[in-house]
């Protein structure tokens, strides 16, 4: 299998023996083949390929990373901020919605901060997420404090929160009713069975004795 190092790889096919150097930065692509023969040997050709790749990396701009790109599925129009919704399997029609900011810290660790739509409303939750992404601060209380310093106190969406609580209560009430109905049906079935058993026993008592021959 051909040996491959970042930026250049070994080629040994037919008459070609050497190292292929390739690089892509943005719309610009560069490539060059350095043969063992022209460089004076296999090792010298590898050293020449390495030196050329390092030269190109200095001449061209740094590579683009996903950190600064807007994903295709991103509907917020802001890099690093996306909308998310989670359904609660315990309660029907109960969905939790968030705007989430995400980024990588200086040491490469992924961090994020999420803001509830039911608590802050869509507009404010999005603005808080954008601010968290801009400042790269995961502490939500700190972000809220910074936002309020510029825009004034935020009013929480208490109505939305009550609705969510009401959904939970309705689901619990429905479960209780279902259990009660099931219990009632079981009682009726047991009572019916008892009546049938008693009737059968009574019929057996009334049956006349067989005549003696």
N, C-alpha and C. Protein backbone atom coordinates (compact mmCIF):
# COMPACT_ATOMS: atom_id res chain seq x y z
N UNK A 1 0.85 -1.21 0.00
CA UNK A 1 0.00 0.00 0.00
C UNK A 1 0.88 1.25 0.00
N UNK A 2 0.63 2.23 -0.89
CA UNK A 2 1.46 3.44 -0.96
C UNK A 2 1.47 4.21 0.36
N UNK A 3 2.65 4.64 0.75
CA UNK A 3 2.78 5.40 1.98
C UNK A 3 2.25 6.81 1.76
N UNK A 4 1.48 7.32 2.75
CA UNK A 4 0.89 8.64 2.62
C UNK A 4 1.15 9.47 3.87
N UNK A 5 1.64 10.69 3.66
CA UNK A 5 1.87 11.64 4.74
C UNK A 5 1.03 12.87 4.40
N UNK A 6 0.67 13.66 5.41
CA UNK A 6 -0.16 14.84 5.15
C UNK A 6 0.50 15.75 4.12
N UNK A 7 -0.18 15.95 3.00
CA UNK A 7 0.32 16.84 1.96
C UNK A 7 1.04 16.16 0.82
N UNK A 8 1.55 14.97 1.06
CA UNK A 8 2.26 14.26 -0.03
C UNK A 8 2.18 12.75 0.20
N UNK A 9 2.22 12.00 -0.91
CA UNK A 9 2.08 10.55 -0.83
C UNK A 9 3.03 9.85 -1.81
N UNK A 10 3.37 8.62 -1.49
CA UNK A 10 4.31 7.83 -2.29
C UNK A 10 3.61 7.25 -3.52
N UNK A 11 4.30 7.31 -4.66
CA UNK A 11 3.78 6.75 -5.91
C UNK A 11 4.79 5.75 -6.47
N UNK A 12 4.35 4.52 -6.71
CA UNK A 12 5.18 3.48 -7.33
C UNK A 12 4.32 2.71 -8.31
N UNK A 13 4.16 3.23 -9.51
CA UNK A 13 3.35 2.58 -10.54
C UNK A 13 4.08 2.64 -11.87
N UNK A 14 4.33 1.49 -12.47
CA UNK A 14 4.99 1.44 -13.78
C UNK A 14 6.36 2.11 -13.75
N UNK A 15 6.48 3.17 -14.56
CA UNK A 15 7.75 3.90 -14.66
C UNK A 15 7.84 5.04 -13.64
N UNK A 16 6.74 5.32 -12.95
CA UNK A 16 6.71 6.45 -12.00
C UNK A 16 7.07 6.00 -10.59
N UNK A 17 8.13 6.58 -10.05
CA UNK A 17 8.57 6.30 -8.69
C UNK A 17 8.97 7.62 -8.04
N UNK A 18 8.23 8.03 -7.04
CA UNK A 18 8.53 9.29 -6.39
C UNK A 18 7.43 9.70 -5.43
N UNK A 19 7.28 11.03 -5.21
CA UNK A 19 6.31 11.56 -4.25
C UNK A 19 5.43 12.61 -4.92
N UNK A 20 4.12 12.49 -4.69
CA UNK A 20 3.15 13.44 -5.24
C UNK A 20 2.73 14.41 -4.14
N UNK A 21 2.97 15.70 -4.37
CA UNK A 21 2.63 16.74 -3.39
C UNK A 21 1.34 17.43 -3.85
N UNK A 22 0.36 17.53 -2.93
CA UNK A 22 -0.91 18.17 -3.28
C UNK A 22 -1.40 19.05 -2.13
N UNK A 23 -2.06 20.14 -2.50
CA UNK A 23 -2.64 21.03 -1.47
C UNK A 23 -3.84 21.77 -2.07
N UNK A 24 -4.83 22.05 -1.23
CA UNK A 24 -6.02 22.82 -1.65
C UNK A 24 -6.37 23.80 -0.55
N UNK A 25 -6.43 25.06 -0.90
CA UNK A 25 -6.83 26.11 0.03
C UNK A 25 -7.84 27.01 -0.66
N UNK A 26 -9.08 26.94 -0.22
CA UNK A 26 -10.13 27.71 -0.87
C UNK A 26 -10.36 27.19 -2.29
N UNK A 27 -10.27 28.08 -3.27
CA UNK A 27 -10.46 27.68 -4.67
C UNK A 27 -9.15 27.32 -5.36
N UNK A 28 -8.05 27.48 -4.68
CA UNK A 28 -6.75 27.21 -5.30
C UNK A 28 -6.25 25.80 -4.99
N UNK A 29 -5.81 25.11 -6.06
CA UNK A 29 -5.25 23.77 -5.93
C UNK A 29 -3.84 23.77 -6.53
N UNK A 30 -2.94 23.03 -5.89
CA UNK A 30 -1.58 22.87 -6.41
C UNK A 30 -1.18 21.40 -6.29
N UNK A 31 -0.40 20.94 -7.26
CA UNK A 31 0.12 19.57 -7.20
C UNK A 31 1.43 19.49 -7.99
N UNK A 32 2.33 18.63 -7.53
CA UNK A 32 3.61 18.44 -8.22
C UNK A 32 4.17 17.07 -7.89
N UNK A 33 4.71 16.40 -8.91
CA UNK A 33 5.32 15.08 -8.72
C UNK A 33 6.85 15.24 -8.68
N UNK A 34 7.46 14.72 -7.63
CA UNK A 34 8.92 14.76 -7.49
C UNK A 34 9.43 13.32 -7.57
N UNK A 35 10.13 13.01 -8.66
CA UNK A 35 10.61 11.64 -8.87
C UNK A 35 11.89 11.37 -8.08
N UNK A 36 12.10 10.09 -7.77
CA UNK A 36 13.32 9.69 -7.06
C UNK A 36 14.56 10.01 -7.90
N UNK A 37 14.41 9.81 -9.20
CA UNK A 37 15.54 10.00 -10.12
C UNK A 37 15.98 11.46 -10.16
N UNK A 38 15.01 12.38 -10.27
CA UNK A 38 15.35 13.81 -10.38
C UNK A 38 15.90 14.37 -9.07
N UNK A 39 15.47 13.78 -7.95
CA UNK A 39 15.91 14.28 -6.63
C UNK A 39 17.20 13.62 -6.16
N UNK A 40 17.60 12.52 -6.84
CA UNK A 40 18.83 11.85 -6.44
C UNK A 40 18.62 10.73 -5.44
N UNK A 41 17.42 10.14 -5.44
CA UNK A 41 17.15 9.03 -4.54
C UNK A 41 15.80 9.17 -3.84
N UNK A 42 15.35 8.04 -3.28
CA UNK A 42 14.03 7.98 -2.64
C UNK A 42 13.93 8.91 -1.44
N UNK A 43 14.92 8.87 -0.56
CA UNK A 43 14.89 9.68 0.66
C UNK A 43 14.98 11.17 0.34
N UNK A 44 15.84 11.52 -0.62
CA UNK A 44 15.99 12.93 -1.01
C UNK A 44 14.70 13.45 -1.66
N UNK A 45 14.02 12.56 -2.40
CA UNK A 45 12.76 12.95 -3.03
C UNK A 45 11.69 13.23 -1.97
N UNK A 46 11.68 12.40 -0.91
CA UNK A 46 10.72 12.61 0.18
C UNK A 46 10.98 13.92 0.91
N UNK A 47 12.26 14.21 1.16
CA UNK A 47 12.62 15.47 1.83
C UNK A 47 12.23 16.68 0.99
N UNK A 48 12.39 16.55 -0.33
CA UNK A 48 12.03 17.64 -1.24
C UNK A 48 10.52 17.86 -1.25
N UNK A 49 9.76 16.75 -1.19
CA UNK A 49 8.29 16.83 -1.17
C UNK A 49 7.82 17.51 0.12
N UNK A 50 8.43 17.15 1.23
CA UNK A 50 8.08 17.75 2.52
C UNK A 50 8.37 19.25 2.53
N UNK A 51 9.54 19.62 1.99
CA UNK A 51 9.94 21.03 1.96
C UNK A 51 9.00 21.85 1.07
N UNK A 52 8.59 21.25 -0.06
CA UNK A 52 7.68 21.95 -0.98
C UNK A 52 6.32 22.15 -0.34
N UNK A 53 5.81 21.13 0.35
CA UNK A 53 4.50 21.25 1.01
C UNK A 53 4.53 22.34 2.08
N UNK A 54 5.60 22.38 2.87
CA UNK A 54 5.74 23.41 3.91
C UNK A 54 5.81 24.81 3.30
N UNK A 55 6.46 24.91 2.14
CA UNK A 55 6.56 26.20 1.44
C UNK A 55 5.18 26.67 0.98
N UNK A 56 4.40 25.73 0.43
CA UNK A 56 3.06 26.07 -0.04
C UNK A 56 2.14 26.49 1.11
N UNK A 57 2.24 25.83 2.25
CA UNK A 57 1.38 26.18 3.40
C UNK A 57 1.66 27.60 3.89
N UNK A 58 2.89 28.08 3.68
CA UNK A 58 3.25 29.44 4.09
C UNK A 58 2.75 30.47 3.07
N UNK A 59 2.73 30.06 1.81
CA UNK A 59 2.33 30.98 0.74
C UNK A 59 0.81 31.14 0.65
N UNK A 60 0.08 30.08 0.98
CA UNK A 60 -1.39 30.10 0.85
C UNK A 60 -2.07 30.44 2.18
N UNK A 61 -3.32 30.94 2.14
CA UNK A 61 -4.06 31.25 3.38
C UNK A 61 -4.36 29.98 4.17
N UNK A 62 -4.62 30.10 5.48
CA UNK A 62 -4.93 28.92 6.30
C UNK A 62 -6.20 28.22 5.83
N UNK A 63 -6.32 26.91 6.08
CA UNK A 63 -7.51 26.17 5.63
C UNK A 63 -8.77 26.60 6.37
N UNK A 64 -9.91 26.51 5.67
CA UNK A 64 -11.19 26.82 6.29
C UNK A 64 -11.61 25.67 7.19
N UNK A 65 -12.24 25.99 8.30
CA UNK A 65 -12.72 24.96 9.23
C UNK A 65 -14.24 25.04 9.35
N UNK A 66 -14.84 23.97 9.85
CA UNK A 66 -16.31 23.93 10.02
C UNK A 66 -16.77 24.93 11.06
N UNK A 67 -15.86 25.37 11.93
CA UNK A 67 -16.20 26.31 13.00
C UNK A 67 -16.77 27.61 12.45
N UNK A 68 -16.29 28.04 11.29
CA UNK A 68 -16.74 29.31 10.74
C UNK A 68 -17.69 29.18 9.57
N UNK A 69 -18.19 27.97 9.32
CA UNK A 69 -19.09 27.74 8.19
C UNK A 69 -20.54 27.61 8.64
N UNK A 70 -21.45 28.05 7.78
CA UNK A 70 -22.88 27.92 8.06
C UNK A 70 -23.38 26.60 7.47
N UNK A 71 -23.88 25.71 8.32
CA UNK A 71 -24.35 24.40 7.87
C UNK A 71 -25.59 24.51 7.00
N UNK A 72 -25.80 23.51 6.14
CA UNK A 72 -26.95 23.51 5.23
C UNK A 72 -28.28 23.46 5.98
N UNK A 73 -28.29 22.78 7.14
CA UNK A 73 -29.54 22.62 7.90
C UNK A 73 -29.78 23.77 8.88
N UNK A 74 -28.84 24.70 8.94
CA UNK A 74 -28.98 25.82 9.86
C UNK A 74 -30.02 26.81 9.33
N UNK A 75 -31.10 27.01 10.10
CA UNK A 75 -32.19 27.89 9.68
C UNK A 75 -32.15 29.25 10.37
N UNK A 76 -31.17 29.45 11.28
CA UNK A 76 -31.12 30.71 12.02
C UNK A 76 -30.35 31.78 11.25
N UNK A 77 -29.51 31.36 10.29
CA UNK A 77 -28.70 32.32 9.55
C UNK A 77 -27.47 32.76 10.32
N UNK A 78 -27.22 32.14 11.47
CA UNK A 78 -26.07 32.50 12.31
C UNK A 78 -25.19 31.27 12.50
N UNK A 79 -23.91 31.41 12.21
CA UNK A 79 -22.97 30.30 12.39
C UNK A 79 -22.89 29.92 13.86
N UNK A 80 -23.04 28.63 14.16
CA UNK A 80 -22.91 28.16 15.54
C UNK A 80 -24.17 28.27 16.37
N UNK A 81 -25.28 28.68 15.77
CA UNK A 81 -26.56 28.78 16.49
C UNK A 81 -27.62 28.00 15.72
N UNK A 82 -28.29 27.05 16.39
CA UNK A 82 -29.33 26.28 15.71
C UNK A 82 -30.53 26.05 16.63
N UNK A 83 -31.65 25.72 16.00
CA UNK A 83 -32.91 25.46 16.72
C UNK A 83 -33.04 23.96 16.97
N UNK A 84 -33.55 23.60 18.15
CA UNK A 84 -33.72 22.18 18.48
C UNK A 84 -35.03 21.99 19.24
N UNK A 85 -35.69 20.85 19.01
CA UNK A 85 -36.91 20.52 19.75
C UNK A 85 -36.87 19.07 20.20
N UNK A 86 -37.28 18.83 21.44
CA UNK A 86 -37.28 17.48 22.02
C UNK A 86 -38.68 17.15 22.52
N UNK A 87 -39.20 16.00 22.12
CA UNK A 87 -40.52 15.55 22.59
C UNK A 87 -40.35 14.76 23.87
N UNK A 88 -41.26 14.99 24.82
CA UNK A 88 -41.25 14.26 26.09
C UNK A 88 -42.15 13.04 25.94
N UNK A 89 -41.57 11.85 25.95
CA UNK A 89 -42.34 10.62 25.75
C UNK A 89 -43.33 10.34 26.87
N UNK A 90 -43.14 10.99 28.02
CA UNK A 90 -44.04 10.76 29.16
C UNK A 90 -45.38 11.46 29.00
N UNK A 91 -45.37 12.56 28.24
CA UNK A 91 -46.59 13.36 28.11
C UNK A 91 -46.88 13.63 26.63
N UNK A 92 -48.10 13.33 26.15
CA UNK A 92 -48.44 13.57 24.74
C UNK A 92 -48.49 15.06 24.43
N UNK A 93 -48.03 15.41 23.24
CA UNK A 93 -48.05 16.80 22.76
C UNK A 93 -47.20 17.75 23.60
N UNK A 94 -46.25 17.21 24.36
CA UNK A 94 -45.38 18.06 25.17
C UNK A 94 -44.01 18.13 24.50
N UNK A 95 -43.68 19.30 23.94
CA UNK A 95 -42.42 19.47 23.21
C UNK A 95 -41.62 20.61 23.81
N UNK A 96 -40.33 20.37 24.02
CA UNK A 96 -39.44 21.40 24.55
C UNK A 96 -38.60 21.96 23.39
N UNK A 97 -38.62 23.27 23.22
CA UNK A 97 -37.90 23.92 22.12
C UNK A 97 -36.79 24.81 22.66
N UNK A 98 -35.66 24.81 21.95
CA UNK A 98 -34.50 25.59 22.39
C UNK A 98 -33.79 26.22 21.19
N UNK A 99 -33.05 27.29 21.48
CA UNK A 99 -32.03 27.80 20.56
C UNK A 99 -30.70 27.50 21.25
N UNK A 100 -29.81 26.84 20.52
CA UNK A 100 -28.55 26.38 21.10
C UNK A 100 -27.37 27.02 20.39
N UNK A 101 -26.45 27.56 21.19
CA UNK A 101 -25.19 28.11 20.67
C UNK A 101 -24.09 27.10 20.95
N UNK A 102 -23.22 26.85 19.98
CA UNK A 102 -22.12 25.90 20.19
C UNK A 102 -20.84 26.43 19.56
N UNK A 103 -19.72 26.04 20.16
CA UNK A 103 -18.41 26.49 19.68
C UNK A 103 -17.33 25.61 20.31
N UNK A 104 -16.08 25.82 19.87
CA UNK A 104 -14.95 25.11 20.45
C UNK A 104 -14.10 26.08 21.25
N UNK A 105 -13.69 25.65 22.44
CA UNK A 105 -12.86 26.49 23.28
C UNK A 105 -11.43 26.51 22.74
N UNK A 106 -10.57 27.30 23.37
CA UNK A 106 -9.18 27.41 22.93
C UNK A 106 -8.44 26.08 22.97
N UNK A 107 -8.83 25.21 23.92
CA UNK A 107 -8.17 23.90 24.03
C UNK A 107 -8.86 22.81 23.21
N UNK A 108 -9.81 23.22 22.34
CA UNK A 108 -10.45 22.26 21.44
C UNK A 108 -11.67 21.56 22.00
N UNK A 109 -12.10 21.91 23.21
CA UNK A 109 -13.28 21.29 23.82
C UNK A 109 -14.56 21.93 23.30
N UNK A 110 -15.56 21.10 22.97
CA UNK A 110 -16.84 21.63 22.48
C UNK A 110 -17.69 22.14 23.65
N UNK A 111 -18.22 23.34 23.51
CA UNK A 111 -19.06 23.94 24.54
C UNK A 111 -20.37 24.41 23.91
N UNK A 112 -21.40 24.53 24.75
CA UNK A 112 -22.69 25.01 24.23
C UNK A 112 -23.50 25.66 25.34
N UNK A 113 -24.48 26.43 24.92
CA UNK A 113 -25.43 27.06 25.84
C UNK A 113 -26.79 27.03 25.18
N UNK A 114 -27.83 26.55 25.91
CA UNK A 114 -29.17 26.46 25.32
C UNK A 114 -30.14 27.37 26.06
N UNK A 115 -31.09 27.91 25.30
CA UNK A 115 -32.06 28.84 25.86
C UNK A 115 -33.47 28.40 25.46
N UNK A 116 -34.33 28.23 26.46
CA UNK A 116 -35.67 27.69 26.27
C UNK A 116 -36.62 28.69 25.61
N UNK A 117 -37.31 28.23 24.58
CA UNK A 117 -38.30 29.07 23.89
C UNK A 117 -39.53 29.27 24.78
N UNK A 118 -39.92 28.23 25.52
CA UNK A 118 -41.10 28.34 26.38
C UNK A 118 -40.86 29.31 27.53
N UNK A 119 -39.62 29.49 27.90
CA UNK A 119 -39.31 30.40 29.01
C UNK A 119 -39.10 31.84 28.55
N UNK A 120 -38.38 32.00 27.41
CA UNK A 120 -38.01 33.34 26.99
C UNK A 120 -38.74 33.83 25.74
N UNK A 121 -39.40 32.93 25.03
CA UNK A 121 -39.99 33.30 23.75
C UNK A 121 -38.96 33.12 22.64
N UNK A 122 -39.41 32.94 21.41
CA UNK A 122 -38.49 32.64 20.30
C UNK A 122 -37.49 33.76 20.04
N UNK A 123 -37.97 34.98 20.01
CA UNK A 123 -37.11 36.12 19.67
C UNK A 123 -35.98 36.29 20.67
N UNK A 124 -36.32 36.31 21.96
CA UNK A 124 -35.31 36.53 23.00
C UNK A 124 -34.38 35.32 23.12
N UNK A 125 -34.94 34.12 23.03
CA UNK A 125 -34.12 32.90 23.12
C UNK A 125 -33.06 32.89 22.02
N UNK A 126 -33.46 33.31 20.81
CA UNK A 126 -32.51 33.37 19.69
C UNK A 126 -31.43 34.42 19.95
N UNK A 127 -31.84 35.58 20.44
CA UNK A 127 -30.88 36.65 20.71
C UNK A 127 -29.89 36.24 21.80
N UNK A 128 -30.37 35.53 22.81
CA UNK A 128 -29.49 35.05 23.88
C UNK A 128 -28.48 34.04 23.34
N UNK A 129 -28.95 33.15 22.47
CA UNK A 129 -28.05 32.16 21.87
C UNK A 129 -26.99 32.83 20.99
N UNK A 130 -27.41 33.84 20.24
CA UNK A 130 -26.46 34.57 19.38
C UNK A 130 -25.41 35.29 20.22
N UNK A 131 -25.84 35.84 21.34
CA UNK A 131 -24.91 36.54 22.23
C UNK A 131 -23.92 35.55 22.86
N UNK A 132 -24.43 34.39 23.25
CA UNK A 132 -23.57 33.35 23.84
C UNK A 132 -22.52 32.89 22.84
N UNK A 133 -22.94 32.76 21.57
CA UNK A 133 -22.00 32.33 20.51
C UNK A 133 -20.96 33.41 20.24
N UNK A 134 -21.40 34.65 20.23
CA UNK A 134 -20.48 35.77 19.97
C UNK A 134 -19.43 35.89 21.07
N UNK A 135 -19.89 35.81 22.33
CA UNK A 135 -18.98 35.96 23.47
C UNK A 135 -18.29 34.65 23.84
N UNK A 136 -18.85 33.52 23.34
CA UNK A 136 -18.35 32.18 23.67
C UNK A 136 -18.35 31.97 25.19
N UNK A 137 -19.53 32.23 25.76
CA UNK A 137 -19.74 32.07 27.21
C UNK A 137 -20.85 31.05 27.42
N UNK A 138 -20.55 29.99 28.16
CA UNK A 138 -21.54 28.92 28.40
C UNK A 138 -22.42 29.20 29.61
N UNK A 139 -22.04 30.15 30.44
CA UNK A 139 -22.81 30.50 31.64
C UNK A 139 -24.05 31.30 31.23
N UNK A 140 -25.23 30.66 31.31
CA UNK A 140 -26.47 31.31 30.86
C UNK A 140 -26.82 32.55 31.68
N UNK A 141 -26.59 32.47 32.98
CA UNK A 141 -26.89 33.62 33.84
C UNK A 141 -26.05 34.84 33.43
N UNK A 142 -24.81 34.58 33.06
CA UNK A 142 -23.92 35.67 32.63
C UNK A 142 -24.42 36.27 31.32
N UNK A 143 -24.88 35.43 30.42
CA UNK A 143 -25.39 35.90 29.12
C UNK A 143 -26.66 36.73 29.32
N UNK A 144 -27.55 36.26 30.19
CA UNK A 144 -28.79 36.99 30.48
C UNK A 144 -28.46 38.36 31.08
N UNK A 145 -27.46 38.38 31.96
CA UNK A 145 -27.04 39.64 32.58
C UNK A 145 -26.51 40.62 31.52
N UNK A 146 -25.70 40.12 30.59
CA UNK A 146 -25.15 40.97 29.53
C UNK A 146 -26.27 41.49 28.62
N UNK A 147 -27.24 40.63 28.33
CA UNK A 147 -28.36 41.02 27.47
C UNK A 147 -29.20 42.10 28.14
N UNK A 148 -29.49 41.93 29.42
CA UNK A 148 -30.33 42.89 30.15
C UNK A 148 -29.63 44.23 30.33
N UNK A 149 -28.31 44.23 30.37
CA UNK A 149 -27.57 45.49 30.48
C UNK A 149 -27.80 46.38 29.26
N UNK A 150 -28.03 45.74 28.12
CA UNK A 150 -28.22 46.49 26.87
C UNK A 150 -29.69 46.69 26.53
N UNK A 151 -30.54 45.69 26.84
CA UNK A 151 -31.94 45.75 26.41
C UNK A 151 -32.95 45.91 27.55
N UNK A 152 -32.49 45.88 28.78
CA UNK A 152 -33.40 45.97 29.91
C UNK A 152 -33.86 44.59 30.37
N UNK A 153 -34.61 44.54 31.48
CA UNK A 153 -35.05 43.25 32.05
C UNK A 153 -35.87 42.42 31.07
N UNK A 154 -35.65 41.12 31.11
CA UNK A 154 -36.40 40.20 30.25
C UNK A 154 -37.62 39.69 31.00
N UNK A 155 -38.78 39.69 30.35
CA UNK A 155 -39.99 39.12 30.95
C UNK A 155 -40.11 37.66 30.53
N UNK A 156 -40.16 36.79 31.51
CA UNK A 156 -40.30 35.36 31.21
C UNK A 156 -41.71 35.07 30.70
N UNK A 157 -41.81 34.09 29.81
CA UNK A 157 -43.10 33.70 29.25
C UNK A 157 -43.81 32.73 30.20
N UNK A 158 -44.43 33.30 31.26
CA UNK A 158 -45.08 32.46 32.27
C UNK A 158 -46.28 31.70 31.72
N UNK A 159 -46.97 32.29 30.76
CA UNK A 159 -48.14 31.63 30.17
C UNK A 159 -47.73 30.34 29.50
N UNK A 160 -46.64 30.41 28.75
CA UNK A 160 -46.16 29.21 28.05
C UNK A 160 -45.78 28.13 29.04
N UNK A 161 -45.18 28.56 30.16
CA UNK A 161 -44.77 27.59 31.17
C UNK A 161 -45.99 26.95 31.83
N UNK A 162 -47.05 27.75 32.04
CA UNK A 162 -48.28 27.21 32.64
C UNK A 162 -48.92 26.20 31.69
N UNK A 163 -48.87 26.51 30.41
CA UNK A 163 -49.44 25.59 29.43
C UNK A 163 -48.73 24.25 29.45
N UNK A 164 -47.43 24.31 29.60
CA UNK A 164 -46.65 23.07 29.66
C UNK A 164 -47.03 22.27 30.89
N UNK A 165 -47.21 23.00 32.02
CA UNK A 165 -47.61 22.34 33.26
C UNK A 165 -49.01 21.75 33.13
N UNK A 166 -49.89 22.51 32.43
CA UNK A 166 -51.25 22.03 32.21
C UNK A 166 -51.28 20.77 31.38
N UNK A 167 -50.39 20.69 30.42
CA UNK A 167 -50.30 19.49 29.57
C UNK A 167 -49.93 18.28 30.41
N UNK A 168 -48.98 18.49 31.34
CA UNK A 168 -48.55 17.40 32.22
C UNK A 168 -49.70 16.94 33.12
N UNK A 169 -50.47 17.91 33.67
CA UNK A 169 -51.60 17.57 34.55
C UNK A 169 -52.67 16.81 33.78
N UNK A 170 -52.95 17.26 32.56
CA UNK A 170 -53.97 16.60 31.73
C UNK A 170 -53.57 15.17 31.43
N UNK A 171 -52.27 14.98 31.15
CA UNK A 171 -51.77 13.63 30.85
C UNK A 171 -51.90 12.73 32.07
N UNK A 172 -51.57 13.30 33.26
CA UNK A 172 -51.66 12.52 34.50
C UNK A 172 -53.11 12.15 34.80
N UNK A 173 -54.04 13.11 34.56
CA UNK A 173 -55.47 12.88 34.80
C UNK A 173 -56.00 11.79 33.87
N UNK A 174 -55.54 11.81 32.62
CA UNK A 174 -55.96 10.82 31.64
C UNK A 174 -55.51 9.42 32.05
N UNK A 175 -54.27 9.35 32.55
CA UNK A 175 -53.72 8.06 33.00
C UNK A 175 -54.51 7.51 34.17
N UNK A 176 -54.90 8.41 35.12
CA UNK A 176 -55.68 8.00 36.29
C UNK A 176 -57.06 7.47 35.88
N UNK A 177 -57.71 8.17 34.94
CA UNK A 177 -59.02 7.75 34.45
C UNK A 177 -58.95 6.39 33.77
N UNK A 178 -57.89 6.20 33.01
CA UNK A 178 -57.71 4.94 32.29
C UNK A 178 -57.54 3.78 33.26
N UNK A 179 -56.77 4.01 34.33
CA UNK A 179 -56.53 2.98 35.34
C UNK A 179 -57.83 2.64 36.08
N UNK A 180 -58.63 3.69 36.39
CA UNK A 180 -59.90 3.50 37.10
C UNK A 180 -60.89 2.70 36.25
N UNK A 181 -60.93 3.01 34.94
CA UNK A 181 -61.83 2.30 34.03
C UNK A 181 -61.43 0.83 33.91
N UNK A 182 -60.14 0.60 33.88
CA UNK A 182 -59.63 -0.77 33.79
C UNK A 182 -59.99 -1.58 35.03
N UNK A 183 -59.88 -0.92 36.19
CA UNK A 183 -60.20 -1.55 37.47
C UNK A 183 -61.69 -1.88 37.55
N UNK A 184 -62.52 -0.95 37.07
CA UNK A 184 -63.97 -1.13 37.09
C UNK A 184 -64.39 -2.30 36.19
N UNK A 185 -63.76 -2.39 35.03
CA UNK A 185 -64.05 -3.48 34.09
C UNK A 185 -63.69 -4.83 34.70
N UNK A 186 -62.55 -4.86 35.40
CA UNK A 186 -62.09 -6.10 36.03
C UNK A 186 -63.07 -6.54 37.12
N UNK A 187 -63.60 -5.56 37.88
CA UNK A 187 -64.58 -5.86 38.95
C UNK A 187 -65.86 -6.43 38.37
N UNK A 188 -66.33 -5.82 37.26
CA UNK A 188 -67.55 -6.29 36.61
C UNK A 188 -67.39 -7.72 36.11
N UNK A 189 -66.23 -8.01 35.53
CA UNK A 189 -65.96 -9.34 34.99
C UNK A 189 -65.94 -10.38 36.11
N UNK A 190 -65.35 -10.00 37.26
CA UNK A 190 -65.27 -10.90 38.42
C UNK A 190 -66.67 -11.17 38.99
N UNK A 191 -67.50 -10.10 39.07
CA UNK A 191 -68.86 -10.23 39.60
C UNK A 191 -69.72 -11.11 38.70
N UNK A 192 -69.55 -10.93 37.38
CA UNK A 192 -70.30 -11.72 36.41
C UNK A 192 -69.94 -13.20 36.51
N UNK A 193 -68.66 -13.44 36.73
CA UNK A 193 -68.16 -14.81 36.86
C UNK A 193 -68.73 -15.48 38.10
N UNK A 194 -68.82 -14.70 39.20
CA UNK A 194 -69.36 -15.21 40.47
C UNK A 194 -70.84 -15.57 40.33
N UNK A 195 -71.60 -14.70 39.63
CA UNK A 195 -73.04 -14.93 39.42
C UNK A 195 -73.25 -16.20 38.60
N UNK A 196 -72.45 -16.38 37.56
CA UNK A 196 -72.56 -17.57 36.71
C UNK A 196 -72.27 -18.84 37.49
N UNK A 197 -71.27 -18.75 38.35
CA UNK A 197 -70.86 -19.90 39.16
C UNK A 197 -71.98 -20.29 40.13
N UNK A 198 -72.61 -19.26 40.75
CA UNK A 198 -73.69 -19.50 41.70
C UNK A 198 -74.91 -20.11 41.01
N UNK A 199 -75.22 -19.61 39.81
CA UNK A 199 -76.36 -20.12 39.04
C UNK A 199 -76.14 -21.58 38.65
N UNK A 200 -74.91 -21.90 38.28
CA UNK A 200 -74.56 -23.26 37.89
C UNK A 200 -74.72 -24.22 39.07
N UNK A 201 -74.32 -23.76 40.25
CA UNK A 201 -74.40 -24.55 41.47
C UNK A 201 -75.86 -24.81 41.86
N UNK A 202 -76.71 -23.78 41.68
CA UNK A 202 -78.13 -23.86 42.01
C UNK A 202 -78.84 -24.86 41.09
N UNK A 203 -78.47 -24.82 39.81
CA UNK A 203 -79.06 -25.74 38.82
C UNK A 203 -78.71 -27.18 39.15
N UNK A 204 -77.49 -27.39 39.60
CA UNK A 204 -77.03 -28.74 39.95
C UNK A 204 -77.82 -29.31 41.14
N UNK A 205 -78.22 -28.46 42.07
CA UNK A 205 -78.99 -28.89 43.25
C UNK A 205 -80.41 -29.30 42.86
N UNK A 206 -81.02 -28.59 41.90
CA UNK A 206 -82.40 -28.84 41.49
C UNK A 206 -82.55 -30.09 40.63
N UNK A 207 -81.47 -30.60 40.09
CA UNK A 207 -81.52 -31.75 39.17
C UNK A 207 -82.03 -32.98 39.92
N UNK A 208 -83.16 -33.68 39.42
CA UNK A 208 -83.75 -34.84 40.12
C UNK A 208 -82.81 -36.04 40.12
N UNK A 209 -82.97 -36.86 41.15
CA UNK A 209 -82.12 -38.05 41.27
C UNK A 209 -82.57 -39.10 40.27
N UNK A 210 -81.70 -39.93 39.83
CA UNK A 210 -82.00 -40.99 38.83
C UNK A 210 -82.88 -42.07 39.46
N UNK A 211 -83.92 -42.62 38.72
CA UNK A 211 -84.81 -43.67 39.22
C UNK A 211 -84.10 -45.01 39.31
N UNK A 212 -84.48 -45.72 40.40
CA UNK A 212 -83.91 -47.06 40.57
C UNK A 212 -84.74 -48.06 39.80
N UNK A 213 -84.09 -48.98 39.08
CA UNK A 213 -84.78 -50.02 38.31
C UNK A 213 -85.13 -51.20 39.19
